[in-house]
Amino acid sequence: MALSPLEQVDIEDDNEDIFEPLCLPGRSDSERTPLTGPNNKPYLVSDTFTVEDAVEAIGFGRFQIKLSVLSGLAWMADAMEMMILSILSPQLLCEWQLSSWEEAFITTIVFVGMMVSSSMWGNICDRYGRRLGLFFSAVWILYYGILSAFSPTYIWIVLLRGIVGFGIGGVPQSVTLYAEFLPRKQRAQCVVFLEIFWAIGTCIEVVLALVVMPTLGWRWLLIFSAIPCAIFAVSCKWLPESARYHVACGESEKAQNTLKKIALENNSPMPLGRLVLPEATEKRGQFKDLFTPQLRLTTVLLWFIWFSNAFSYYGIVLMTTELFQAQDSGDESFCSASQEGHEVFKCYAGCKYLNTKDYTDLLWTTVAEFPGLLVTMLIIEWLGRKRTMALQFVMFAFFTFLLLTCGGRTWLTIFIFIARAFISGAFQASYVYTPEIYPTTTRALGLGTCSGVARLGALITPFVAQVMLKSSIYVTVSVYGTICLLAAVASMLLPIETKGRSMQETGQTTQPQPR
């Protein structure tokens, strides 16, 4: 008789060890082919299995592809809301005659909102579910994103964009949900693959600005930029709740039903037997759990790594438009000699609207996200998560320091292109490592707090990339390069390498793996 993918077997004899290979559906007893796991070893079936066993047995298939697209929509919406900051600020600088500090604050206030809310969204997702948190986050961004397009004054745009940032703080939880459904072998590449949706979102935003800004203006750009968020909010109807979350809540039946649906959609077998649960706890998403003896050092190091990622990534994004403006309005090399006889670097950026060439070069540097994604996908399983982050931080610092060579527009674009590729790769590698290191009971909170600390770096960076840059490019570039070199050291100091490691359900099972 053919074995159904959803067939469950009750094992009556508790005194006898009963193990048999898990078989592919649709085969007769004589044709059964063992389902192999990592290292081509057949899965053995006992009377119980865990969510991790089920995810590995079901494997990667149609369900994960669909989930990739749904999670990717959230990233695309996030990317467009972030990319618009480097376009909106220079526009309002001229249109409303703002100071450089006021220009920088338009960007900073968004990250203030994200920093304040990230831990809150993580707590919501750990307590009430990943799906619910993502839905409310999307609706929040959509409503206030459109409302900000009608801002009559500077105070209103700052207030409403800050509220938008509060909603954006929940978007990273899509990675938590996504990673919890991925088999160990595909997890790293798939999470990195989400970066392609971020890259697509940033490119769409630049092209949209190129078309909309000269004709309809920034208000319509804000409205059009909210469309992906609307699509994601509607698509949340098809998002499943995490089976790992149900297990953490003690909801065995809901978890098993979710896993059965995934197995059916992938045309894959479920493990035979009964789903076993860790001890259910109501104390999920507690901040103190991030500082247990096993996680204390990891949490502190990850906070600095995430801070450095956001500080440097958004710094290079904001510096791109500032440096392009500086070259258009000043000397081609934007270098000058001081009266003391030694070389200093100064940007001559005044009030200048971005033109077609600026948008085109901005698009080229934005396309750098794609090779950064490719490099990360190729090396993250080879070098591991820690070494991948460290290498990319070092390479970003190197190409950022090359900006001090004072080359022309072409070399400037090339150096920014390569630097942005590496920092986007490092950022994505952090998104792989963080959900893998935290247990299910604190995974969303762990990712949320890391994201919150990252926003601290992001809210500081406008005052470096937009204010300090106008005084000295030398000091500005040195700050970014030094921060990333320190982040490379922090990456290597992480006590646990998560490559090939199962996702933990509780903090009690977190053990260091060989480096």
Protein backbone atom coordinates (compact mmCIF):
# COMPACT_ATOMS: atom_id res chain seq x y z
CA MET A 1 0.00 0.00 0.00
CA ALA A 2 1.28 3.53 -0.79
CA LEU A 3 2.41 5.61 2.16
CA SER A 4 0.54 8.90 2.52
CA PRO A 5 2.66 11.95 3.31
CA LEU A 6 0.38 12.72 6.23
CA GLU A 7 0.01 9.15 7.59
CA GLN A 8 0.67 8.82 11.29
CA VAL A 9 1.56 5.52 12.97
CA ASP A 10 0.80 4.59 16.57
CA ILE A 11 3.52 2.41 18.04
CA GLU A 12 1.96 0.05 20.51
CA ASP A 13 4.94 -1.88 21.82
CA ASP A 14 6.86 0.48 24.13
CA ASN A 15 9.36 -2.22 25.10
CA GLU A 16 10.71 -2.68 21.61
CA ASP A 17 12.89 -0.23 19.69
CA ILE A 18 11.07 0.36 16.43
CA PHE A 19 13.03 2.34 13.88
CA GLU A 20 12.58 2.30 10.12
CA PRO A 21 13.60 4.59 7.27
CA LEU A 22 11.16 7.34 6.48
CA CYS A 23 9.88 6.70 2.98
CA LEU A 24 8.83 8.90 0.14
CA PRO A 25 5.09 9.02 -0.54
CA GLY A 26 3.53 7.14 -3.39
CA ARG A 27 5.85 4.11 -3.31
CA SER A 28 4.92 0.50 -2.63
CA ASP A 29 6.55 -1.39 0.24
CA SER A 30 8.95 -3.07 -2.16
CA GLU A 31 9.88 0.22 -3.85
CA ARG A 32 10.36 2.35 -0.76
CA THR A 33 13.30 4.72 -0.94
CA PRO A 34 14.68 6.03 2.35
CA LEU A 35 14.44 9.79 2.78
CA THR A 36 17.94 11.02 3.41
CA GLY A 37 18.92 13.97 5.53
CA PRO A 38 22.26 15.75 5.99
CA ASN A 39 25.29 13.71 4.84
CA ASN A 40 22.93 11.35 2.97
CA LYS A 41 21.98 9.53 6.17
CA PRO A 42 18.40 8.16 6.25
CA TYR A 43 16.01 9.70 8.73
CA LEU A 44 15.03 7.21 11.40
CA VAL A 45 11.52 7.18 12.74
CA SER A 46 10.77 6.66 16.40
CA ASP A 47 7.53 7.22 18.29
CA THR A 48 8.21 10.96 18.63
CA PHE A 49 9.63 13.82 16.60
CA THR A 50 10.34 17.52 17.08
CA VAL A 51 9.51 20.52 14.88
CA GLU A 52 13.15 20.54 13.79
CA ASP A 53 12.80 16.90 12.67
CA ALA A 54 9.64 17.74 10.74
CA VAL A 55 11.14 20.78 9.01
CA GLU A 56 14.18 18.73 7.97
CA ALA A 57 12.03 15.82 6.75
CA ILE A 58 9.62 18.02 4.78
CA GLY A 59 12.54 19.82 3.18
CA PHE A 60 12.56 22.77 0.81
CA GLY A 61 9.76 23.01 -1.72
CA ARG A 62 6.79 24.93 -3.03
CA PHE A 63 5.78 26.23 0.40
CA GLN A 64 9.19 27.79 1.09
CA ILE A 65 9.21 29.40 -2.37
CA LYS A 66 5.82 30.99 -1.66
CA LEU A 67 7.00 32.11 1.77
CA SER A 68 10.13 33.62 0.17
CA VAL A 69 7.96 35.84 -2.01
CA LEU A 70 5.65 36.88 0.84
CA SER A 71 8.57 37.68 3.17
CA GLY A 72 10.32 39.40 0.27
CA LEU A 73 7.38 41.78 -0.14
CA ALA A 74 7.95 42.98 3.42
CA TRP A 75 11.61 43.58 2.64
CA MET A 76 10.78 45.39 -0.58
CA ALA A 77 8.40 47.70 1.30
CA ASP A 78 11.04 48.33 3.97
CA ALA A 79 13.72 49.04 1.35
CA MET A 80 11.59 51.61 -0.47
CA GLU A 81 10.76 53.44 2.77
CA MET A 82 14.47 53.50 3.65
CA MET A 83 15.79 54.46 0.21
CA ILE A 84 13.41 57.39 0.01
CA LEU A 85 15.29 59.06 2.86
CA SER A 86 18.33 59.78 0.69
CA ILE A 87 16.03 61.38 -1.91
CA LEU A 88 13.52 63.22 0.29
CA SER A 89 16.03 65.02 2.52
CA PRO A 90 17.97 66.83 -0.27
CA GLN A 91 14.66 67.78 -1.91
CA LEU A 92 13.22 69.36 1.23
CA LEU A 93 16.57 71.02 1.99
CA CYS A 94 16.04 73.19 -1.08
CA GLU A 95 12.25 73.39 -1.21
CA TRP A 96 11.80 74.41 2.42
CA GLN A 97 15.23 76.09 2.81
CA LEU A 98 16.33 73.87 5.68
CA SER A 99 19.63 73.86 7.52
CA SER A 100 21.92 70.83 7.25
CA TRP A 101 20.89 69.81 10.78
CA GLU A 102 17.21 69.95 9.89
CA GLU A 103 17.91 67.94 6.74
CA ALA A 104 19.69 65.25 8.76
CA PHE A 105 16.90 65.15 11.36
CA ILE A 106 14.34 64.08 8.71
CA THR A 107 16.33 60.87 8.35
CA THR A 108 17.22 60.52 12.02
CA ILE A 109 13.63 60.70 13.26
CA VAL A 110 12.70 57.65 11.17
CA PHE A 111 15.41 55.62 12.86
CA VAL A 112 14.39 56.94 16.27
CA GLY A 113 10.95 55.46 15.66
CA MET A 114 12.47 52.18 14.53
CA MET A 115 14.82 51.99 17.50
CA VAL A 116 12.03 52.65 20.01
CA SER A 117 9.67 50.10 18.48
CA SER A 118 11.94 47.21 17.42
CA SER A 119 12.03 45.53 20.83
CA MET A 120 8.29 46.11 21.26
CA TRP A 121 7.50 44.39 17.95
CA GLY A 122 9.83 41.53 18.92
CA ASN A 123 8.01 41.12 22.22
CA ILE A 124 4.63 41.14 20.42
CA CYS A 125 5.81 38.48 17.97
CA ASP A 126 7.15 36.26 20.77
CA ARG A 127 3.97 36.62 22.86
CA TYR A 128 1.15 36.84 20.30
CA GLY A 129 2.63 35.38 17.13
CA ARG A 130 4.84 36.42 14.21
CA ARG A 131 1.96 36.75 11.75
CA LEU A 132 -0.09 39.15 13.89
CA GLY A 133 2.89 41.40 14.56
CA LEU A 134 3.80 41.61 10.87
CA PHE A 135 0.23 42.44 9.83
CA PHE A 136 -0.15 45.35 12.26
CA SER A 137 3.31 46.62 11.36
CA ALA A 138 2.39 46.69 7.65
CA VAL A 139 -0.94 48.45 8.23
CA TRP A 140 0.79 51.02 10.45
CA ILE A 141 3.43 51.85 7.81
CA LEU A 142 0.82 52.05 5.05
CA TYR A 143 -1.48 54.46 6.90
CA TYR A 144 1.13 56.87 8.21
CA GLY A 145 3.27 56.61 5.07
CA ILE A 146 0.41 57.94 2.95
CA LEU A 147 -0.54 60.48 5.63
CA SER A 148 3.01 61.90 5.63
CA ALA A 149 2.58 62.84 1.95
CA PHE A 150 0.15 65.55 3.07
CA SER A 151 2.55 67.17 5.55
CA PRO A 152 2.12 70.97 5.33
CA THR A 153 5.24 71.96 7.31
CA TYR A 154 8.61 70.67 8.45
CA ILE A 155 7.28 69.78 11.91
CA TRP A 156 4.56 67.61 10.40
CA ILE A 157 6.90 65.72 8.07
CA VAL A 158 9.25 65.01 10.99
CA LEU A 159 6.39 63.84 13.23
CA LEU A 160 4.72 61.61 10.64
CA ARG A 161 7.93 60.07 9.27
CA GLY A 162 8.93 59.29 12.85
CA ILE A 163 5.63 57.42 13.29
CA VAL A 164 6.30 55.59 10.01
CA GLY A 165 9.66 54.55 11.45
CA PHE A 166 7.84 53.16 14.50
CA GLY A 167 5.98 50.77 12.20
CA ILE A 168 9.05 49.85 10.15
CA GLY A 169 10.61 48.50 13.34
CA GLY A 170 8.40 45.41 13.00
CA VAL A 171 9.41 44.45 9.46
CA PRO A 172 12.59 42.49 10.42
CA GLN A 173 10.34 39.96 12.15
CA SER A 174 9.55 38.58 8.70
CA VAL A 175 13.04 37.04 8.87
CA THR A 176 12.15 35.31 12.15
CA LEU A 177 9.05 33.73 10.61
CA TYR A 178 10.86 32.85 7.39
CA ALA A 179 13.89 31.25 9.05
CA GLU A 180 11.75 29.08 11.32
CA PHE A 181 10.34 27.20 8.31
CA LEU A 182 13.67 26.62 6.55
CA PRO A 183 15.66 23.36 6.61
CA ARG A 184 19.16 23.67 8.03
CA LYS A 185 20.88 23.09 4.69
CA GLN A 186 19.03 25.87 2.84
CA ARG A 187 18.60 28.35 5.70
CA ALA A 188 21.61 30.59 5.12
CA GLN A 189 21.22 30.92 1.35
CA CYS A 190 17.48 31.53 1.64
CA VAL A 191 17.77 34.27 4.26
CA VAL A 192 20.51 35.91 2.19
CA PHE A 193 18.24 35.54 -0.85
CA LEU A 194 15.75 37.90 0.81
CA GLU A 195 18.32 40.61 0.10
CA ILE A 196 17.34 40.41 -3.56
CA PHE A 197 13.91 41.80 -2.65
CA TRP A 198 15.58 44.59 -0.68
CA ALA A 199 17.81 45.36 -3.68
CA ILE A 200 14.82 45.32 -6.03
CA GLY A 201 12.97 47.66 -3.69
CA THR A 202 15.82 50.18 -3.57
CA CYS A 203 16.21 50.10 -7.36
CA ILE A 204 12.46 50.58 -7.87
CA GLU A 205 12.55 53.56 -5.50
CA VAL A 206 15.35 55.26 -7.45
CA VAL A 207 13.58 54.66 -10.79
CA LEU A 208 10.30 55.85 -9.27
CA ALA A 209 12.01 59.01 -8.02
CA LEU A 210 13.56 59.60 -11.45
CA VAL A 211 10.08 59.53 -13.02
CA VAL A 212 7.94 61.08 -10.29
CA MET A 213 10.10 63.81 -8.73
CA PRO A 214 10.48 66.05 -11.81
CA THR A 215 6.77 65.85 -12.64
CA LEU A 216 4.57 65.09 -9.62
CA GLY A 217 6.93 65.90 -6.74
CA TRP A 218 7.88 64.26 -3.46
CA ARG A 219 4.34 63.96 -2.09
CA TRP A 220 3.28 61.56 -4.82
CA LEU A 221 6.58 59.71 -4.40
CA LEU A 222 5.66 59.01 -0.76
CA ILE A 223 2.23 57.72 -1.82
CA PHE A 224 3.57 55.44 -4.57
CA SER A 225 6.27 54.15 -2.22
CA ALA A 226 3.60 52.80 0.14
CA ILE A 227 2.11 50.45 -2.49
CA PRO A 228 4.34 47.40 -1.68
CA CYS A 229 3.36 47.76 1.96
CA ALA A 230 -0.32 47.60 0.99
CA ILE A 231 0.32 44.45 -1.04
CA PHE A 232 2.15 42.82 1.88
CA ALA A 233 -0.64 43.72 4.34
CA VAL A 234 -3.16 41.94 2.10
CA SER A 235 -0.82 38.97 1.58
CA CYS A 236 -0.57 38.42 5.36
CA LYS A 237 -3.82 36.48 4.93
CA TRP A 238 -1.75 33.67 3.38
CA LEU A 239 1.10 33.81 5.90
CA PRO A 240 1.11 30.79 8.23
CA GLU A 241 1.88 31.14 11.90
CA SER A 242 5.21 29.64 12.92
CA ALA A 243 4.99 26.01 14.03
CA ARG A 244 7.91 26.71 16.38
CA TYR A 245 5.87 29.51 17.97
CA HIS A 246 2.93 27.13 18.49
CA VAL A 247 5.27 24.60 20.09
CA ALA A 248 6.68 27.27 22.42
CA CYS A 249 3.08 28.04 23.45
CA GLY A 250 2.31 24.36 24.06
CA GLU A 251 -0.15 24.26 21.14
CA SER A 252 0.79 20.86 19.75
CA GLU A 253 -2.28 20.39 17.57
CA LYS A 254 -1.89 23.76 15.82
CA ALA A 255 1.80 23.11 15.20
CA GLN A 256 1.12 19.66 13.78
CA ASN A 257 -1.68 20.95 11.52
CA THR A 258 0.65 23.63 10.14
CA LEU A 259 3.36 21.06 9.47
CA LYS A 260 0.87 18.73 7.76
CA LYS A 261 -0.26 21.50 5.41
CA ILE A 262 3.35 22.28 4.51
CA ALA A 263 4.11 18.61 3.90
CA LEU A 264 1.06 18.32 1.65
CA GLU A 265 2.01 21.45 -0.30
CA ASN A 266 5.59 20.21 -0.75
CA ASN A 267 4.40 16.65 -1.52
CA SER A 268 6.78 15.47 1.20
CA PRO A 269 6.43 13.00 4.09
CA MET A 270 5.82 13.91 7.69
CA PRO A 271 7.90 12.09 10.29
CA LEU A 272 6.00 9.15 11.75
CA GLY A 273 4.90 9.34 15.34
CA ARG A 274 3.88 12.04 17.78
CA LEU A 275 5.08 15.65 17.89
CA VAL A 276 6.92 16.22 21.15
CA LEU A 277 6.88 19.59 22.86
CA PRO A 278 9.47 21.25 25.06
CA GLU A 279 8.12 22.51 28.34
CA ALA A 280 5.64 25.26 27.45
CA THR A 281 6.22 28.61 29.08
CA GLU A 282 4.27 31.82 29.39
CA LYS A 283 7.54 33.67 29.98
CA ARG A 284 8.36 34.17 26.32
CA GLY A 285 10.07 37.25 24.99
CA GLN A 286 11.62 38.34 28.31
CA PHE A 287 14.50 40.80 28.01
CA LYS A 288 16.54 39.15 30.78
CA ASP A 289 16.70 35.91 28.75
CA LEU A 290 19.03 37.65 26.29
CA PHE A 291 21.61 37.89 29.08
CA THR A 292 21.76 34.33 30.35
CA PRO A 293 25.32 33.02 30.83
CA GLN A 294 25.12 31.25 27.46
CA LEU A 295 23.95 34.33 25.52
CA ARG A 296 25.34 37.34 27.39
CA LEU A 297 28.54 37.83 25.37
CA THR A 298 26.80 36.95 22.11
CA THR A 299 24.09 39.56 22.69
CA VAL A 300 26.56 42.36 23.44
CA LEU A 301 28.74 41.55 20.43
CA LEU A 302 25.72 41.26 18.13
CA TRP A 303 24.46 44.65 19.28
CA PHE A 304 27.73 46.25 18.23
CA ILE A 305 27.77 44.34 14.93
CA TRP A 306 24.22 45.43 14.10
CA PHE A 307 25.02 49.01 15.15
CA SER A 308 28.00 49.00 12.79
CA ASN A 309 25.97 47.48 9.95
CA ALA A 310 23.25 50.11 10.02
CA PHE A 311 25.62 52.99 10.76
CA SER A 312 27.78 52.09 7.76
CA TYR A 313 25.08 50.93 5.34
CA TYR A 314 22.87 53.99 5.68
CA GLY A 315 25.98 56.13 5.91
CA ILE A 316 27.19 55.07 2.45
CA VAL A 317 23.64 55.48 1.07
CA LEU A 318 23.36 59.04 2.38
CA MET A 319 26.93 59.93 1.45
CA THR A 320 26.28 58.91 -2.15
CA THR A 321 23.86 61.75 -2.88
CA GLU A 322 25.90 64.19 -0.76
CA LEU A 323 29.14 63.41 -2.63
CA PHE A 324 27.42 63.60 -6.01
CA GLN A 325 26.02 67.02 -5.07
CA ALA A 326 29.45 68.10 -3.84
CA GLN A 327 31.14 67.24 -7.12
CA ASP A 328 28.45 68.93 -9.18
CA SER A 329 28.68 72.17 -7.21
CA GLY A 330 32.42 72.25 -6.45
CA ASP A 331 35.80 71.09 -7.60
CA GLU A 332 35.84 67.80 -9.53
CA SER A 333 38.17 66.16 -7.05
CA PHE A 334 36.47 67.89 -4.06
CA CYS A 335 39.91 68.28 -2.49
CA SER A 336 41.49 71.56 -1.48
CA ALA A 337 44.70 72.66 0.19
CA SER A 338 44.63 74.32 3.55
CA GLN A 339 46.59 77.42 4.40
CA GLU A 340 48.89 75.35 6.60
CA GLY A 341 50.20 73.57 3.53
CA HIS A 342 48.82 70.09 4.15
CA GLU A 343 45.95 68.46 2.37
CA VAL A 344 42.45 68.61 3.77
CA PHE A 345 39.22 67.35 2.33
CA LYS A 346 36.11 69.40 2.11
CA CYS A 347 32.77 68.94 0.45
CA TYR A 348 31.17 71.92 -1.22
CA ALA A 349 27.51 70.89 -1.02
CA GLY A 350 24.95 73.63 -1.19
CA CYS A 351 21.30 73.60 -2.10
CA LYS A 352 21.04 71.68 -5.35
CA TYR A 353 18.19 69.52 -6.61
CA LEU A 354 19.13 66.02 -7.72
CA ASN A 355 19.25 65.76 -11.52
CA THR A 356 18.99 62.86 -13.96
CA LYS A 357 22.72 62.09 -13.75
CA ASP A 358 22.52 61.98 -9.95
CA TYR A 359 19.61 59.54 -10.07
CA THR A 360 21.40 57.41 -12.69
CA ASP A 361 24.59 57.16 -10.63
CA LEU A 362 22.51 56.52 -7.52
CA LEU A 363 20.86 53.64 -9.37
CA TRP A 364 24.27 52.21 -10.31
CA THR A 365 25.46 52.26 -6.70
CA THR A 366 22.14 50.73 -5.62
CA VAL A 367 22.61 47.85 -8.07
CA ALA A 368 25.69 46.97 -5.98
CA GLU A 369 23.33 45.15 -3.62
CA PHE A 370 23.04 42.31 -6.16
CA PRO A 371 26.75 41.33 -6.33
CA GLY A 372 26.91 41.78 -2.56
CA LEU A 373 24.09 39.26 -2.29
CA LEU A 374 25.82 36.84 -4.66
CA VAL A 375 29.15 36.98 -2.80
CA THR A 376 27.44 36.35 0.53
CA MET A 377 25.48 33.38 -0.82
CA LEU A 378 28.67 31.84 -2.21
CA ILE A 379 30.85 32.17 0.88
CA ILE A 380 28.54 31.97 3.90
CA GLU A 381 28.40 28.15 3.94
CA TRP A 382 32.09 27.90 3.06
CA LEU A 383 33.57 30.39 5.52
CA GLY A 384 30.77 30.28 8.06
CA ARG A 385 28.70 33.16 9.40
CA LYS A 386 31.38 34.75 11.59
CA ARG A 387 34.16 34.84 9.01
CA THR A 388 31.77 36.04 6.30
CA MET A 389 30.75 39.05 8.39
CA ALA A 390 34.36 39.81 9.36
CA LEU A 391 35.64 39.64 5.77
CA GLN A 392 32.91 41.90 4.44
CA PHE A 393 33.42 44.48 7.18
CA VAL A 394 37.13 44.64 6.34
CA MET A 395 36.46 44.99 2.60
CA PHE A 396 33.93 47.76 3.20
CA ALA A 397 36.47 49.67 5.30
CA PHE A 398 39.13 49.26 2.59
CA PHE A 399 37.00 50.64 -0.25
CA THR A 400 35.61 53.40 1.95
CA PHE A 401 39.15 54.58 2.70
CA LEU A 402 39.76 54.66 -1.07
CA LEU A 403 37.27 57.55 -1.26
CA LEU A 404 40.09 59.66 0.17
CA THR A 405 42.09 59.27 -3.04
CA CYS A 406 40.03 62.14 -4.46
CA GLY A 407 39.36 60.53 -7.83
CA GLY A 408 36.84 61.76 -10.36
CA ARG A 409 33.16 60.92 -10.61
CA THR A 410 33.81 57.52 -12.22
CA TRP A 411 36.17 56.27 -9.50
CA LEU A 412 33.89 57.70 -6.82
CA THR A 413 30.97 55.69 -8.22
CA ILE A 414 33.08 52.50 -8.45
CA PHE A 415 34.37 52.74 -4.87
CA ILE A 416 30.88 53.43 -3.51
CA PHE A 417 29.49 50.55 -5.60
CA ILE A 418 31.96 48.03 -4.15
CA ALA A 419 31.73 49.36 -0.59
CA ARG A 420 27.95 49.16 -0.66
CA ALA A 421 28.07 45.61 -2.00
CA PHE A 422 30.18 44.45 0.94
CA ILE A 423 28.25 46.25 3.68
CA SER A 424 24.92 44.98 2.35
CA GLY A 425 26.40 41.47 2.40
CA ALA A 426 27.59 41.88 5.98
CA PHE A 427 24.16 43.14 7.00
CA GLN A 428 22.48 40.13 5.43
CA ALA A 429 24.92 37.70 7.06
CA SER A 430 23.88 39.21 10.40
CA TYR A 431 20.26 38.43 9.54
CA VAL A 432 21.30 34.81 8.99
CA TYR A 433 23.28 34.47 12.22
CA THR A 434 20.92 36.19 14.66
CA PRO A 435 17.79 33.99 14.30
CA GLU A 436 20.03 30.92 14.38
CA ILE A 437 21.71 31.81 17.67
CA TYR A 438 18.60 32.64 19.74
CA PRO A 439 16.09 29.99 20.90
CA THR A 440 12.45 30.10 19.80
CA THR A 441 11.28 31.58 23.12
CA THR A 442 13.40 34.73 22.60
CA ARG A 443 14.18 34.63 18.87
CA ALA A 444 11.89 37.48 17.84
CA LEU A 445 12.96 39.58 20.83
CA GLY A 446 16.64 38.89 20.12
CA LEU A 447 16.26 39.95 16.51
CA GLY A 448 14.13 42.90 17.57
CA THR A 449 16.67 44.25 20.07
CA CYS A 450 19.49 43.83 17.55
CA SER A 451 17.40 45.71 15.01
CA GLY A 452 16.69 48.40 17.61
CA VAL A 453 20.38 48.89 18.37
CA ALA A 454 21.02 48.99 14.62
CA ARG A 455 18.60 51.89 14.36
CA LEU A 456 20.66 53.73 16.96
CA GLY A 457 23.54 53.57 14.49
CA ALA A 458 21.22 54.59 11.68
CA LEU A 459 19.86 57.63 13.52
CA ILE A 460 23.39 58.85 14.30
CA THR A 461 24.74 58.36 10.78
CA PRO A 462 22.91 61.30 9.10
CA PHE A 463 24.85 63.72 11.30
CA VAL A 464 28.06 62.09 10.10
CA ALA A 465 27.15 61.54 6.43
CA GLN A 466 25.26 64.80 5.93
CA VAL A 467 26.62 67.25 8.53
CA MET A 468 30.21 66.20 9.30
CA LEU A 469 30.84 65.46 5.62
CA LYS A 470 30.34 69.13 4.79
CA SER A 471 33.29 69.95 7.06
CA SER A 472 35.69 67.08 6.41
CA ILE A 473 35.43 64.01 4.25
CA TYR A 474 38.67 62.74 5.83
CA VAL A 475 37.20 62.56 9.34
CA THR A 476 33.90 61.20 8.03
CA VAL A 477 35.46 58.33 6.08
CA SER A 478 37.82 57.54 8.97
CA VAL A 479 34.84 57.14 11.30
CA TYR A 480 33.09 54.67 9.00
CA GLY A 481 36.26 52.69 8.28
CA THR A 482 37.25 52.40 11.95
CA ILE A 483 33.77 51.32 13.08
CA CYS A 484 33.72 48.52 10.51
CA LEU A 485 37.20 47.28 11.40
CA LEU A 486 36.08 47.01 15.02
CA ALA A 487 32.93 45.18 13.86
CA ALA A 488 35.14 42.67 12.04
CA VAL A 489 36.93 41.95 15.33
CA ALA A 490 33.59 41.61 17.13
CA SER A 491 32.41 39.10 14.51
CA MET A 492 35.41 36.87 15.13
CA LEU A 493 34.89 37.09 18.91
CA LEU A 494 31.37 35.62 18.73
CA PRO A 495 31.56 32.44 20.84
CA ILE A 496 29.31 30.27 18.63
CA GLU A 497 29.48 29.49 14.91
CA THR A 498 25.96 28.56 13.78
CA LYS A 499 26.83 26.96 10.43
CA GLY A 500 25.22 23.51 10.33
CA ARG A 501 23.60 24.04 13.74
CA SER A 502 19.95 23.25 14.51
CA MET A 503 17.68 26.08 15.61
CA GLN A 504 17.18 25.79 19.36
CA GLU A 505 13.70 25.67 20.91
CA THR A 506 14.79 26.71 24.41
CA GLY A 507 17.81 28.50 25.80
CA GLN A 508 18.81 25.49 27.84
CA THR A 509 20.09 23.62 24.79
CA THR A 510 22.32 26.37 23.51
CA GLN A 511 25.83 24.95 23.36
CA PRO A 512 28.91 26.24 21.57
CA GLN A 513 29.85 24.42 18.39
CA PRO A 514 33.34 23.91 17.02
CA ARG A 515 34.62 27.00 15.24
